Amino acid sequence: MGYREIKEQEKESKADIEDPHPESGSADNPQIGIQEGLEWKRKSLVIIALTVLTSSQGILIAWSKRAGKYDYSVATANFMVETLKCVFSLVAVTLIWEREGITEDNKLLTTWEEIKVYPVPAGLYLVKNLLQYYIFLYVDAPSYQILKNLNIISTGVLYRTILRRRLTDIQWSAYILLCIGCTTAELTSSYDHVSQTPVQGWIMAIVMALLSGFAGVYTELIIKKQPSRNINAQNFWLYIFGMIFSAGAMFAQDDEEIRNKGFFHGFSLITVCMIINHALGGIAVSMVMKYADNIVKVYSTSVAMLLTAIISIFLFGFQLTLPFVLGSMVLSVSVYLHSKGKAPR
């Protein structure tokens, strides 16, 4: 199934779920009001879950290090994340089968036409994750955090060009403020290292941003092309390909280390918690794309940065800096403007 086919199916799906009587709002139809209320609660729940899970990811990664390095294989941990996501999705689908029975919307056995699009985002995320390690050969951690904000720009541009979703002028202004706020909040005394980043580092950062943005937008596209399809069934196939690609990367990178030390060498309780956190966070991302969109995901992960800093004050003695406070204020204004700047229906 090509990109154009997916876009056509998405348009048909949107037409199928549009209200045939737009003049009759939820006030005239209590059933519509109840359905909208349930959708709002579901959307709010997954957004909050993503924000909380994302805010704790960095903390768990920091705790999983020993003497500044990982005792475990990062590739093995990544494979376990994909495996756990697949297991969680399978359990969720099984519970739905017990409650509702097997239907066309929640069945796992499907056509190759449906599942053949899932290797694309799975492969893109794999390459992006690998580049994430290699980029540290050219930049330090503070510079990486600033360069990572290129993801915000790429997601916004691709969201508009590929999905052709319209943002109001106020929302675009809020989006620009979001990028400025995140960058300002992450400035440190070594921020001038960014200007000294080699060309290879800039190229990797730009490629990572494009891969991350395109993978996110493409995932939203294929998930939403079948609005009635159960998200857990869709996730199952997405994570199956994620497992396959992660297994290939794992044996390509750490085959000898795994053979000599064992598959779970270096794993600790913190490592297990980190893997569970990443798995649940990945599922939350897909649900946000299903019930909201990539822009909401970007805002959610940006707000998570603030929560991470607040938690780090108590756990790691993190000191608030003026750039962080100013950046947080700009980010808060951006969130407010984006919520108030929605185009009228």
C-alpha atoms as a PDB file:
ATOM      1  CA  MET A   1       0.000   0.000   0.000  1.00  0.00           C
ATOM      2  CA  GLY A   2       1.599   3.238  -1.123  1.00  0.00           C
ATOM      3  CA  TYR A   3       1.576   6.613   0.579  1.00  0.00           C
ATOM      4  CA  ARG A   4      -1.098   7.977  -1.792  1.00  0.00           C
ATOM      5  CA  GLU A   5      -3.348   4.984  -1.093  1.00  0.00           C
ATOM      6  CA  ILE A   6      -3.056   5.592   2.619  1.00  0.00           C
ATOM      7  CA  LYS A   7      -4.002   9.235   2.189  1.00  0.00           C
ATOM      8  CA  GLU A   8      -7.073   8.275   0.137  1.00  0.00           C
ATOM      9  CA  GLN A   9      -8.189   5.763   2.752  1.00  0.00           C
ATOM     10  CA  GLU A  10      -7.685   8.358   5.455  1.00  0.00           C
ATOM     11  CA  LYS A  11      -9.985  10.770   3.604  1.00  0.00           C
ATOM     12  CA  GLU A  12     -12.626   8.061   3.222  1.00  0.00           C
ATOM     13  CA  SER A  13     -12.360   7.189   6.908  1.00  0.00           C
ATOM     14  CA  LYS A  14     -12.829  10.828   7.860  1.00  0.00           C
ATOM     15  CA  ALA A  15     -15.876  11.064   5.625  1.00  0.00           C
ATOM     16  CA  ASP A  16     -17.368   7.958   7.229  1.00  0.00           C
ATOM     17  CA  ILE A  17     -17.176   9.320  10.751  1.00  0.00           C
ATOM     18  CA  GLU A  18     -18.242  12.890   9.994  1.00  0.00           C
ATOM     19  CA  ASP A  19     -21.559  13.983  11.462  1.00  0.00           C
ATOM     20  CA  PRO A  20     -24.127  13.991   8.629  1.00  0.00           C
ATOM     21  CA  HIS A  21     -26.134  16.635  10.470  1.00  0.00           C
ATOM     22  CA  PRO A  22     -23.629  19.260  11.586  1.00  0.00           C
ATOM     23  CA  GLU A  23     -26.374  21.614  12.625  1.00  0.00           C
ATOM     24  CA  SER A  24     -27.509  19.227  15.340  1.00  0.00           C
ATOM     25  CA  GLY A  25     -24.914  19.605  18.106  1.00  0.00           C
ATOM     26  CA  SER A  26     -24.377  17.672  21.259  1.00  0.00           C
ATOM     27  CA  ALA A  27     -26.965  19.826  23.017  1.00  0.00           C
ATOM     28  CA  ASP A  28     -29.701  18.343  20.779  1.00  0.00           C
ATOM     29  CA  ASN A  29     -28.364  14.812  20.989  1.00  0.00           C
ATOM     30  CA  PRO A  30     -27.430  13.645  24.519  1.00  0.00           C
ATOM     31  CA  GLN A  31     -25.795  10.534  23.087  1.00  0.00           C
ATOM     32  CA  ILE A  32     -23.313  12.659  21.137  1.00  0.00           C
ATOM     33  CA  GLY A  33     -22.562  14.664  24.294  1.00  0.00           C
ATOM     34  CA  ILE A  34     -21.852  11.497  26.266  1.00  0.00           C
ATOM     35  CA  GLN A  35     -19.606  10.145  23.497  1.00  0.00           C
ATOM     36  CA  GLU A  36     -17.666  13.424  23.305  1.00  0.00           C
ATOM     37  CA  GLY A  37     -17.251  13.380  27.081  1.00  0.00           C
ATOM     38  CA  LEU A  38     -15.856   9.841  27.014  1.00  0.00           C
ATOM     39  CA  GLU A  39     -13.463  10.734  24.174  1.00  0.00           C
ATOM     40  CA  TRP A  40     -12.266  13.814  26.090  1.00  0.00           C
ATOM     41  CA  LYS A  41     -11.629  11.739  29.228  1.00  0.00           C
ATOM     42  CA  ARG A  42      -9.771   9.089  27.228  1.00  0.00           C
ATOM     43  CA  LYS A  43      -7.651  11.675  25.451  1.00  0.00           C
ATOM     44  CA  SER A  44      -6.838  13.458  28.711  1.00  0.00           C
ATOM     45  CA  LEU A  45      -5.884  10.175  30.380  1.00  0.00           C
ATOM     46  CA  VAL A  46      -3.388   9.125  27.696  1.00  0.00           C
ATOM     47  CA  ILE A  47      -1.880  12.630  27.546  1.00  0.00           C
ATOM     48  CA  ILE A  48      -1.353  12.701  31.317  1.00  0.00           C
ATOM     49  CA  ALA A  49       0.069   9.165  31.208  1.00  0.00           C
ATOM     50  CA  LEU A  50       2.524  10.111  28.446  1.00  0.00           C
ATOM     51  CA  THR A  51       3.641  13.228  30.323  1.00  0.00           C
ATOM     52  CA  VAL A  52       4.246  11.351  33.584  1.00  0.00           C
ATOM     53  CA  LEU A  53       5.995   8.406  31.907  1.00  0.00           C
ATOM     54  CA  THR A  54       8.211  10.676  29.792  1.00  0.00           C
ATOM     55  CA  SER A  55       9.181  12.806  32.804  1.00  0.00           C
ATOM     56  CA  SER A  56      10.460   9.722  34.641  1.00  0.00           C
ATOM     57  CA  GLN A  57      12.362   8.217  31.692  1.00  0.00           C
ATOM     58  CA  GLY A  58      15.431  10.413  32.065  1.00  0.00           C
ATOM     59  CA  ILE A  59      15.554   9.824  35.812  1.00  0.00           C
ATOM     60  CA  LEU A  60      15.412   6.048  35.428  1.00  0.00           C
ATOM     61  CA  ILE A  61      18.104   6.115  32.727  1.00  0.00           C
ATOM     62  CA  ALA A  62      20.352   8.175  35.015  1.00  0.00           C
ATOM     63  CA  TRP A  63      19.775   5.728  37.868  1.00  0.00           C
ATOM     64  CA  SER A  64      20.535   2.737  35.643  1.00  0.00           C
ATOM     65  CA  LYS A  65      24.118   3.929  35.086  1.00  0.00           C
ATOM     66  CA  ARG A  66      27.021   2.725  37.188  1.00  0.00           C
ATOM     67  CA  ALA A  67      30.140   4.911  37.320  1.00  0.00           C
ATOM     68  CA  GLY A  68      28.902   6.874  34.302  1.00  0.00           C
ATOM     69  CA  LYS A  69      28.338   3.849  32.070  1.00  0.00           C
ATOM     70  CA  TYR A  70      25.787   1.114  31.410  1.00  0.00           C
ATOM     71  CA  ASP A  71      26.526  -2.325  32.852  1.00  0.00           C
ATOM     72  CA  TYR A  72      23.852  -3.822  30.598  1.00  0.00           C
ATOM     73  CA  SER A  73      23.563  -4.018  26.827  1.00  0.00           C
ATOM     74  CA  VAL A  74      21.555  -1.036  25.576  1.00  0.00           C
ATOM     75  CA  ALA A  75      20.530  -3.004  22.480  1.00  0.00           C
ATOM     76  CA  THR A  76      19.222  -5.848  24.667  1.00  0.00           C
ATOM     77  CA  ALA A  77      17.262  -3.401  26.802  1.00  0.00           C
ATOM     78  CA  ASN A  78      15.779  -1.869  23.646  1.00  0.00           C
ATOM     79  CA  PHE A  79      14.740  -5.326  22.416  1.00  0.00           C
ATOM     80  CA  MET A  80      13.066  -6.038  25.759  1.00  0.00           C
ATOM     81  CA  VAL A  81      11.152  -2.759  25.480  1.00  0.00           C
ATOM     82  CA  GLU A  82       9.750  -3.773  22.093  1.00  0.00           C
ATOM     83  CA  THR A  83       8.955  -7.270  23.386  1.00  0.00           C
ATOM     84  CA  LEU A  84       7.152  -5.920  26.430  1.00  0.00           C
ATOM     85  CA  LYS A  85       5.124  -3.492  24.311  1.00  0.00           C
ATOM     86  CA  CYS A  86       4.058  -6.393  22.120  1.00  0.00           C
ATOM     87  CA  VAL A  87       3.097  -8.483  25.164  1.00  0.00           C
ATOM     88  CA  PHE A  88       1.109  -5.633  26.730  1.00  0.00           C
ATOM     89  CA  SER A  89      -0.782  -5.102  23.464  1.00  0.00           C
ATOM     90  CA  LEU A  90      -1.526  -8.831  23.158  1.00  0.00           C
ATOM     91  CA  VAL A  91      -2.828  -8.995  26.750  1.00  0.00           C
ATOM     92  CA  ALA A  92      -5.023  -5.937  26.141  1.00  0.00           C
ATOM     93  CA  VAL A  93      -6.478  -7.466  22.967  1.00  0.00           C
ATOM     94  CA  THR A  94      -7.128 -10.768  24.777  1.00  0.00           C
ATOM     95  CA  LEU A  95      -9.044  -8.963  27.538  1.00  0.00           C
ATOM     96  CA  ILE A  96     -11.119  -7.180  24.891  1.00  0.00           C
ATOM     97  CA  TRP A  97     -11.873 -10.521  23.229  1.00  0.00           C
ATOM     98  CA  GLU A  98     -13.154 -11.880  26.536  1.00  0.00           C
ATOM     99  CA  ARG A  99     -15.404  -8.863  27.002  1.00  0.00           C
ATOM    100  CA  GLU A 100     -16.599  -8.165  23.450  1.00  0.00           C
ATOM    101  CA  GLY A 101     -15.641 -11.242  21.444  1.00  0.00           C
ATOM    102  CA  ILE A 102     -13.489 -11.258  18.324  1.00  0.00           C
ATOM    103  CA  THR A 103     -14.642  -8.699  15.753  1.00  0.00           C
ATOM    104  CA  GLU A 104     -13.304  -7.201  12.540  1.00  0.00           C
ATOM    105  CA  ASP A 105     -12.000  -4.230  14.520  1.00  0.00           C
ATOM    106  CA  ASN A 106     -10.056  -6.142  17.179  1.00  0.00           C
ATOM    107  CA  LYS A 107      -8.886  -9.307  15.424  1.00  0.00           C
ATOM    108  CA  LEU A 108      -5.153  -9.883  14.967  1.00  0.00           C
ATOM    109  CA  LEU A 109      -5.363 -12.038  11.862  1.00  0.00           C
ATOM    110  CA  THR A 110      -5.580  -9.569   9.029  1.00  0.00           C
ATOM    111  CA  THR A 111      -4.406  -8.958   5.480  1.00  0.00           C
ATOM    112  CA  TRP A 112      -0.881  -8.217   4.323  1.00  0.00           C
ATOM    113  CA  GLU A 113      -2.258  -4.988   2.839  1.00  0.00           C
ATOM    114  CA  GLU A 114      -2.892  -3.698   6.349  1.00  0.00           C
ATOM    115  CA  ILE A 115       0.280  -4.786   8.114  1.00  0.00           C
ATOM    116  CA  LYS A 116       2.815  -4.085   5.376  1.00  0.00           C
ATOM    117  CA  VAL A 117       2.907  -0.383   6.280  1.00  0.00           C
ATOM    118  CA  TYR A 118       4.107  -1.014   9.847  1.00  0.00           C
ATOM    119  CA  PRO A 119       7.746  -1.861   9.007  1.00  0.00           C
ATOM    120  CA  VAL A 120       8.247   1.721   7.783  1.00  0.00           C
ATOM    121  CA  PRO A 121       7.894   3.519  11.156  1.00  0.00           C
ATOM    122  CA  ALA A 122       9.539   0.589  12.965  1.00  0.00           C
ATOM    123  CA  GLY A 123      12.605   0.877  10.723  1.00  0.00           C
ATOM    124  CA  LEU A 124      12.699   4.673  10.983  1.00  0.00           C
ATOM    125  CA  TYR A 125      12.628   4.590  14.764  1.00  0.00           C
ATOM    126  CA  LEU A 126      15.405   1.992  14.795  1.00  0.00           C
ATOM    127  CA  VAL A 127      17.723   4.134  12.650  1.00  0.00           C
ATOM    128  CA  LYS A 128      16.880   7.204  14.728  1.00  0.00           C
ATOM    129  CA  ASN A 129      17.682   5.363  17.963  1.00  0.00           C
ATOM    130  CA  LEU A 130      21.020   4.151  16.583  1.00  0.00           C
ATOM    131  CA  LEU A 131      21.967   7.664  15.443  1.00  0.00           C
ATOM    132  CA  GLN A 132      21.187   8.839  18.949  1.00  0.00           C
ATOM    133  CA  TYR A 133      24.244   6.943  20.205  1.00  0.00           C
ATOM    134  CA  TYR A 134      26.607   7.921  17.387  1.00  0.00           C
ATOM    135  CA  ILE A 135      25.833  11.632  17.668  1.00  0.00           C
ATOM    136  CA  PHE A 136      27.505  11.675  21.089  1.00  0.00           C
ATOM    137  CA  LEU A 137      30.814  11.121  19.287  1.00  0.00           C
ATOM    138  CA  TYR A 138      30.522  14.720  18.068  1.00  0.00           C
ATOM    139  CA  VAL A 139      28.497  16.614  20.691  1.00  0.00           C
ATOM    140  CA  ASP A 140      28.237  16.743  24.465  1.00  0.00           C
ATOM    141  CA  ALA A 141      25.043  16.149  26.440  1.00  0.00           C
ATOM    142  CA  PRO A 142      23.947  19.843  26.800  1.00  0.00           C
ATOM    143  CA  SER A 143      24.491  20.445  23.087  1.00  0.00           C
ATOM    144  CA  TYR A 144      22.546  17.286  22.269  1.00  0.00           C
ATOM    145  CA  GLN A 145      19.567  18.456  24.338  1.00  0.00           C
ATOM    146  CA  ILE A 146      19.493  21.731  22.413  1.00  0.00           C
ATOM    147  CA  LEU A 147      19.939  20.091  18.993  1.00  0.00           C
ATOM    148  CA  LYS A 148      17.166  17.626  19.868  1.00  0.00           C
ATOM    149  CA  ASN A 149      14.696  20.516  19.754  1.00  0.00           C
ATOM    150  CA  LEU A 150      14.986  20.321  15.975  1.00  0.00           C
ATOM    151  CA  ASN A 151      12.428  17.504  16.418  1.00  0.00           C
ATOM    152  CA  ILE A 152       9.845  20.114  17.384  1.00  0.00           C
ATOM    153  CA  ILE A 153      10.368  22.003  14.128  1.00  0.00           C
ATOM    154  CA  SER A 154      10.419  18.907  11.926  1.00  0.00           C
ATOM    155  CA  THR A 155       7.257  17.494  13.512  1.00  0.00           C
ATOM    156  CA  GLY A 156       5.367  20.766  12.992  1.00  0.00           C
ATOM    157  CA  VAL A 157       6.413  21.125   9.345  1.00  0.00           C
ATOM    158  CA  LEU A 158       5.773  17.467   8.453  1.00  0.00           C
ATOM    159  CA  TYR A 159       2.477  17.514  10.347  1.00  0.00           C
ATOM    160  CA  ARG A 160       1.346  20.355   8.094  1.00  0.00           C
ATOM    161  CA  THR A 161       2.780  19.100   4.792  1.00  0.00           C
ATOM    162  CA  ILE A 162       2.067  15.350   5.033  1.00  0.00           C
ATOM    163  CA  LEU A 163      -1.110  15.186   7.093  1.00  0.00           C
ATOM    164  CA  ARG A 164      -2.263  18.569   5.776  1.00  0.00           C
ATOM    165  CA  ARG A 165      -3.655  19.488   9.173  1.00  0.00           C
ATOM    166  CA  ARG A 166      -4.292  23.185   9.642  1.00  0.00           C
ATOM    167  CA  LEU A 167      -2.933  25.170  12.571  1.00  0.00           C
ATOM    168  CA  THR A 168      -4.142  28.687  13.238  1.00  0.00           C
ATOM    169  CA  ASP A 169      -1.718  31.622  13.258  1.00  0.00           C
ATOM    170  CA  ILE A 170      -1.930  31.689  17.054  1.00  0.00           C
ATOM    171  CA  GLN A 171      -1.076  27.989  17.240  1.00  0.00           C
ATOM    172  CA  TRP A 172       1.922  28.436  14.926  1.00  0.00           C
ATOM    173  CA  SER A 173       3.093  31.318  17.128  1.00  0.00           C
ATOM    174  CA  ALA A 174       2.629  29.096  20.184  1.00  0.00           C
ATOM    175  CA  TYR A 175       4.586  26.329  18.466  1.00  0.00           C
ATOM    176  CA  ILE A 176       7.514  28.659  17.772  1.00  0.00           C
ATOM    177  CA  LEU A 177       7.405  29.795  21.407  1.00  0.00           C
ATOM    178  CA  LEU A 178       7.497  26.137  22.449  1.00  0.00           C
ATOM    179  CA  CYS A 179      10.743  25.592  20.559  1.00  0.00           C
ATOM    180  CA  ILE A 180      12.253  28.792  21.988  1.00  0.00           C
ATOM    181  CA  GLY A 181      11.114  27.934  25.509  1.00  0.00           C
ATOM    182  CA  CYS A 182      12.521  24.395  25.427  1.00  0.00           C
ATOM    183  CA  THR A 183      15.842  25.600  24.012  1.00  0.00           C
ATOM    184  CA  THR A 184      16.121  28.409  26.571  1.00  0.00           C
ATOM    185  CA  ALA A 185      15.319  26.086  29.467  1.00  0.00           C
ATOM    186  CA  GLU A 186      18.131  23.738  28.421  1.00  0.00           C
ATOM    187  CA  LEU A 187      20.829  26.406  28.080  1.00  0.00           C
ATOM    188  CA  THR A 188      23.783  25.904  30.417  1.00  0.00           C
ATOM    189  CA  SER A 189      27.205  27.456  30.839  1.00  0.00           C
ATOM    190  CA  SER A 190      28.382  25.167  28.030  1.00  0.00           C
ATOM    191  CA  TYR A 191      25.713  26.192  25.551  1.00  0.00           C
ATOM    192  CA  ASP A 192      28.351  27.791  23.356  1.00  0.00           C
ATOM    193  CA  HIS A 193      29.503  24.253  22.460  1.00  0.00           C
ATOM    194  CA  VAL A 194      26.563  24.076  20.054  1.00  0.00           C
ATOM    195  CA  SER A 195      28.187  26.602  17.738  1.00  0.00           C
ATOM    196  CA  GLN A 196      31.340  24.446  17.794  1.00  0.00           C
ATOM    197  CA  THR A 197      29.518  21.258  16.790  1.00  0.00           C
ATOM    198  CA  PRO A 198      31.227  19.614  13.783  1.00  0.00           C
ATOM    199  CA  VAL A 199      29.374  19.294  10.489  1.00  0.00           C
ATOM    200  CA  GLN A 200      28.878  15.562  11.107  1.00  0.00           C
ATOM    201  CA  GLY A 201      27.062  16.346  14.362  1.00  0.00           C
ATOM    202  CA  TRP A 202      24.737  18.845  12.678  1.00  0.00           C
ATOM    203  CA  ILE A 203      23.989  16.403   9.862  1.00  0.00           C
ATOM    204  CA  MET A 204      23.136  13.636  12.337  1.00  0.00           C
ATOM    205  CA  ALA A 205      20.972  15.994  14.397  1.00  0.00           C
ATOM    206  CA  ILE A 206      19.033  17.115  11.311  1.00  0.00           C
ATOM    207  CA  VAL A 207      18.623  13.524  10.060  1.00  0.00           C
ATOM    208  CA  MET A 208      17.450  12.418  13.507  1.00  0.00           C
ATOM    209  CA  ALA A 209      14.921  15.247  13.632  1.00  0.00           C
ATOM    210  CA  LEU A 210      13.565  14.388  10.182  1.00  0.00           C
ATOM    211  CA  LEU A 211      13.404  10.661  10.973  1.00  0.00           C
ATOM    212  CA  SER A 212      11.665  11.272  14.293  1.00  0.00           C
ATOM    213  CA  GLY A 213       9.192  13.721  12.789  1.00  0.00           C
ATOM    214  CA  PHE A 214       8.421  11.578   9.745  1.00  0.00           C
ATOM    215  CA  ALA A 215       8.109   8.387  11.795  1.00  0.00           C
ATOM    216  CA  GLY A 216       5.685  10.078  14.179  1.00  0.00           C
ATOM    217  CA  VAL A 217       3.576  11.628  11.433  1.00  0.00           C
ATOM    218  CA  TYR A 218       3.556   8.412   9.374  1.00  0.00           C
ATOM    219  CA  THR A 219       2.542   6.381  12.431  1.00  0.00           C
ATOM    220  CA  GLU A 220      -0.355   8.759  13.086  1.00  0.00           C
ATOM    221  CA  LEU A 221      -1.347   8.458   9.434  1.00  0.00           C
ATOM    222  CA  ILE A 222      -1.519   4.657   9.361  1.00  0.00           C
ATOM    223  CA  ILE A 223      -3.136   4.393  12.811  1.00  0.00           C
ATOM    224  CA  LYS A 224      -5.889   6.861  11.988  1.00  0.00           C
ATOM    225  CA  LYS A 225      -6.654   5.529   8.512  1.00  0.00           C
ATOM    226  CA  GLN A 226      -8.856   2.943  10.257  1.00  0.00           C
ATOM    227  CA  PRO A 227     -10.560   4.934  13.033  1.00  0.00           C
ATOM    228  CA  SER A 228     -12.673   2.003  14.257  1.00  0.00           C
ATOM    229  CA  ARG A 229      -9.701  -0.413  14.387  1.00  0.00           C
ATOM    230  CA  ASN A 230      -8.670  -1.259  17.945  1.00  0.00           C
ATOM    231  CA  ILE A 231      -5.431   0.519  18.840  1.00  0.00           C
ATOM    232  CA  ASN A 232      -4.056  -2.533  20.678  1.00  0.00           C
ATOM    233  CA  ALA A 233      -4.413  -4.696  17.560  1.00  0.00           C
ATOM    234  CA  GLN A 234      -2.624  -2.025  15.523  1.00  0.00           C
ATOM    235  CA  ASN A 235       0.099  -1.703  18.147  1.00  0.00           C
ATOM    236  CA  PHE A 236       0.658  -5.465  18.146  1.00  0.00           C
ATOM    237  CA  TRP A 237       1.750  -5.490  14.504  1.00  0.00           C
ATOM    238  CA  LEU A 238       3.771  -2.299  14.866  1.00  0.00           C
ATOM    239  CA  TYR A 239       5.716  -3.775  17.787  1.00  0.00           C
ATOM    240  CA  ILE A 240       6.182  -7.153  16.072  1.00  0.00           C
ATOM    241  CA  PHE A 241       8.251  -5.402  13.412  1.00  0.00           C
ATOM    242  CA  GLY A 242       9.935  -3.343  16.134  1.00  0.00           C
ATOM    243  CA  MET A 243      11.016  -6.625  17.785  1.00  0.00           C
ATOM    244  CA  ILE A 244      12.359  -8.001  14.505  1.00  0.00           C
ATOM    245  CA  PHE A 245      14.420  -4.899  13.737  1.00  0.00           C
ATOM    246  CA  SER A 246      15.624  -4.572  17.354  1.00  0.00           C
ATOM    247  CA  ALA A 247      16.729  -8.227  17.364  1.00  0.00           C
ATOM    248  CA  GLY A 248      18.773  -7.626  14.223  1.00  0.00           C
ATOM    249  CA  ALA A 249      20.419  -4.547  15.743  1.00  0.00           C
ATOM    250  CA  MET A 250      21.019  -6.370  19.025  1.00  0.00           C
ATOM    251  CA  PHE A 251      22.939  -9.265  17.462  1.00  0.00           C
ATOM    252  CA  ALA A 252      24.761  -6.939  15.073  1.00  0.00           C
ATOM    253  CA  GLN A 253      26.018  -4.733  17.921  1.00  0.00           C
ATOM    254  CA  ASP A 254      26.384  -6.942  20.992  1.00  0.00           C
ATOM    255  CA  ASP A 255      26.367 -10.532  19.756  1.00  0.00           C
ATOM    256  CA  GLU A 256      29.738 -11.426  21.287  1.00  0.00           C
ATOM    257  CA  GLU A 257      28.984  -9.682  24.587  1.00  0.00           C
ATOM    258  CA  ILE A 258      25.638 -11.490  24.874  1.00  0.00           C
ATOM    259  CA  ARG A 259      27.268 -14.862  24.149  1.00  0.00           C
ATOM    260  CA  ASN A 260      29.998 -14.320  26.739  1.00  0.00           C
ATOM    261  CA  LYS A 261      28.076 -12.609  29.537  1.00  0.00           C
ATOM    262  CA  GLY A 262      24.479 -13.704  28.984  1.00  0.00           C
ATOM    263  CA  PHE A 263      21.366 -11.993  27.700  1.00  0.00           C
ATOM    264  CA  PHE A 264      20.424 -10.239  30.953  1.00  0.00           C
ATOM    265  CA  HIS A 265      23.920  -9.371  32.144  1.00  0.00           C
ATOM    266  CA  GLY A 266      24.041  -6.120  34.104  1.00  0.00           C
ATOM    267  CA  PHE A 267      20.272  -5.929  34.578  1.00  0.00           C
ATOM    268  CA  SER A 268      19.075  -4.546  37.913  1.00  0.00           C
ATOM    269  CA  LEU A 269      15.735  -3.576  39.439  1.00  0.00           C
ATOM    270  CA  ILE A 270      16.204  -0.041  38.116  1.00  0.00           C
ATOM    271  CA  THR A 271      16.910  -1.430  34.633  1.00  0.00           C
ATOM    272  CA  VAL A 272      13.697  -3.456  34.750  1.00  0.00           C
ATOM    273  CA  CYS A 273      11.729  -0.392  35.891  1.00  0.00           C
ATOM    274  CA  MET A 274      13.290   1.629  33.061  1.00  0.00           C
ATOM    275  CA  ILE A 275      12.290  -1.009  30.482  1.00  0.00           C
ATOM    276  CA  ILE A 276       8.710  -1.121  31.797  1.00  0.00           C
ATOM    277  CA  ASN A 277       8.576   2.677  31.763  1.00  0.00           C
ATOM    278  CA  HIS A 278       9.782   2.840  28.156  1.00  0.00           C
ATOM    279  CA  ALA A 279       7.301   0.169  27.101  1.00  0.00           C
ATOM    280  CA  LEU A 280       4.338   1.912  28.696  1.00  0.00           C
ATOM    281  CA  GLY A 281       5.575   5.242  27.327  1.00  0.00           C
ATOM    282  CA  GLY A 282       5.693   3.832  23.784  1.00  0.00           C
ATOM    283  CA  ILE A 283       2.137   2.557  24.095  1.00  0.00           C
ATOM    284  CA  ALA A 284       1.033   5.939  25.459  1.00  0.00           C
ATOM    285  CA  VAL A 285       2.621   7.659  22.430  1.00  0.00           C
ATOM    286  CA  SER A 286       0.665   5.493  19.987  1.00  0.00           C
ATOM    287  CA  MET A 287      -2.565   6.153  21.891  1.00  0.00           C
ATOM    288  CA  VAL A 288      -1.943   9.901  21.826  1.00  0.00           C
ATOM    289  CA  MET A 289      -1.489   9.640  18.051  1.00  0.00           C
ATOM    290  CA  LYS A 290      -4.718   7.620  17.807  1.00  0.00           C
ATOM    291  CA  TYR A 291      -6.899   9.863  19.951  1.00  0.00           C
ATOM    292  CA  ALA A 292      -5.048  13.188  19.614  1.00  0.00           C
ATOM    293  CA  ASP A 293      -2.131  14.031  17.290  1.00  0.00           C
ATOM    294  CA  ASN A 294       1.624  14.608  17.003  1.00  0.00           C
ATOM    295  CA  ILE A 295       1.386  18.242  18.105  1.00  0.00           C
ATOM    296  CA  VAL A 296      -0.195  17.161  21.389  1.00  0.00           C
ATOM    297  CA  LYS A 297       2.586  14.570  21.740  1.00  0.00           C
ATOM    298  CA  VAL A 298       5.247  17.259  21.304  1.00  0.00           C
ATOM    299  CA  TYR A 299       3.605  19.469  23.942  1.00  0.00           C
ATOM    300  CA  SER A 300       3.208  16.529  26.319  1.00  0.00           C
ATOM    301  CA  THR A 301       6.878  15.539  26.102  1.00  0.00           C
ATOM    302  CA  SER A 302       7.925  19.196  26.462  1.00  0.00           C
ATOM    303  CA  VAL A 303       5.885  19.633  29.642  1.00  0.00           C
ATOM    304  CA  ALA A 304       7.494  16.401  30.878  1.00  0.00           C
ATOM    305  CA  MET A 305      10.813  18.260  30.834  1.00  0.00           C
ATOM    306  CA  LEU A 306       9.478  20.572  33.553  1.00  0.00           C
ATOM    307  CA  LEU A 307       8.303  17.643  35.667  1.00  0.00           C
ATOM    308  CA  THR A 308      11.693  15.972  35.284  1.00  0.00           C
ATOM    309  CA  ALA A 309      13.440  19.108  36.533  1.00  0.00           C
ATOM    310  CA  ILE A 310      11.109  19.426  39.530  1.00  0.00           C
ATOM    311  CA  ILE A 311      11.631  15.781  40.499  1.00  0.00           C
ATOM    312  CA  SER A 312      15.402  16.160  39.966  1.00  0.00           C
ATOM    313  CA  ILE A 313      15.491  18.958  42.565  1.00  0.00           C
ATOM    314  CA  PHE A 314      14.618  16.433  45.269  1.00  0.00           C
ATOM    315  CA  LEU A 315      16.419  13.379  43.863  1.00  0.00           C
ATOM    316  CA  PHE A 316      19.634  14.771  42.383  1.00  0.00           C
ATOM    317  CA  GLY A 317      19.925  18.232  43.954  1.00  0.00           C
ATOM    318  CA  PHE A 318      19.217  19.916  40.611  1.00  0.00           C
ATOM    319  CA  GLN A 319      19.616  23.695  40.849  1.00  0.00           C
ATOM    320  CA  LEU A 320      17.116  25.852  38.989  1.00  0.00           C
ATOM    321  CA  THR A 321      18.802  28.374  36.692  1.00  0.00           C
ATOM    322  CA  LEU A 322      17.483  31.620  35.270  1.00  0.00           C
ATOM    323  CA  PRO A 323      17.357  30.241  31.690  1.00  0.00           C
ATOM    324  CA  PHE A 324      15.349  27.256  32.925  1.00  0.00           C
ATOM    325  CA  VAL A 325      12.829  29.436  34.770  1.00  0.00           C
ATOM    326  CA  LEU A 326      12.455  31.795  31.795  1.00  0.00           C
ATOM    327  CA  GLY A 327      12.178  28.884  29.359  1.00  0.00           C
ATOM    328  CA  SER A 328       9.542  27.236  31.551  1.00  0.00           C
ATOM    329  CA  MET A 329       7.509  30.449  31.582  1.00  0.00           C
ATOM    330  CA  VAL A 330       7.680  30.699  27.788  1.00  0.00           C
ATOM    331  CA  LEU A 331       6.688  27.024  27.497  1.00  0.00           C
ATOM    332  CA  SER A 332       3.685  27.608  29.785  1.00  0.00           C
ATOM    333  CA  VAL A 333       2.556  30.562  27.690  1.00  0.00           C
ATOM    334  CA  SER A 334       2.930  28.424  24.577  1.00  0.00           C
ATOM    335  CA  VAL A 335       0.679  25.695  26.016  1.00  0.00           C
ATOM    336  CA  TYR A 336      -1.949  28.284  26.927  1.00  0.00           C
ATOM    337  CA  LEU A 337      -1.883  29.969  23.510  1.00  0.00           C
ATOM    338  CA  HIS A 338      -2.089  26.650  21.696  1.00  0.00           C
ATOM    339  CA  SER A 339      -5.185  25.602  23.673  1.00  0.00           C
ATOM    340  CA  LYS A 340      -6.873  28.970  23.123  1.00  0.00           C
ATOM    341  CA  GLY A 341      -5.897  29.267  19.466  1.00  0.00           C
ATOM    342  CA  LYS A 342      -7.872  26.299  18.123  1.00  0.00           C
ATOM    343  CA  ALA A 343      -9.705  26.916  14.867  1.00  0.00           C
ATOM    344  CA  PRO A 344     -13.508  27.068  15.324  1.00  0.00           C
ATOM    345  CA  ARG A 345     -15.383  24.047  13.996  1.00  0.00           C
END
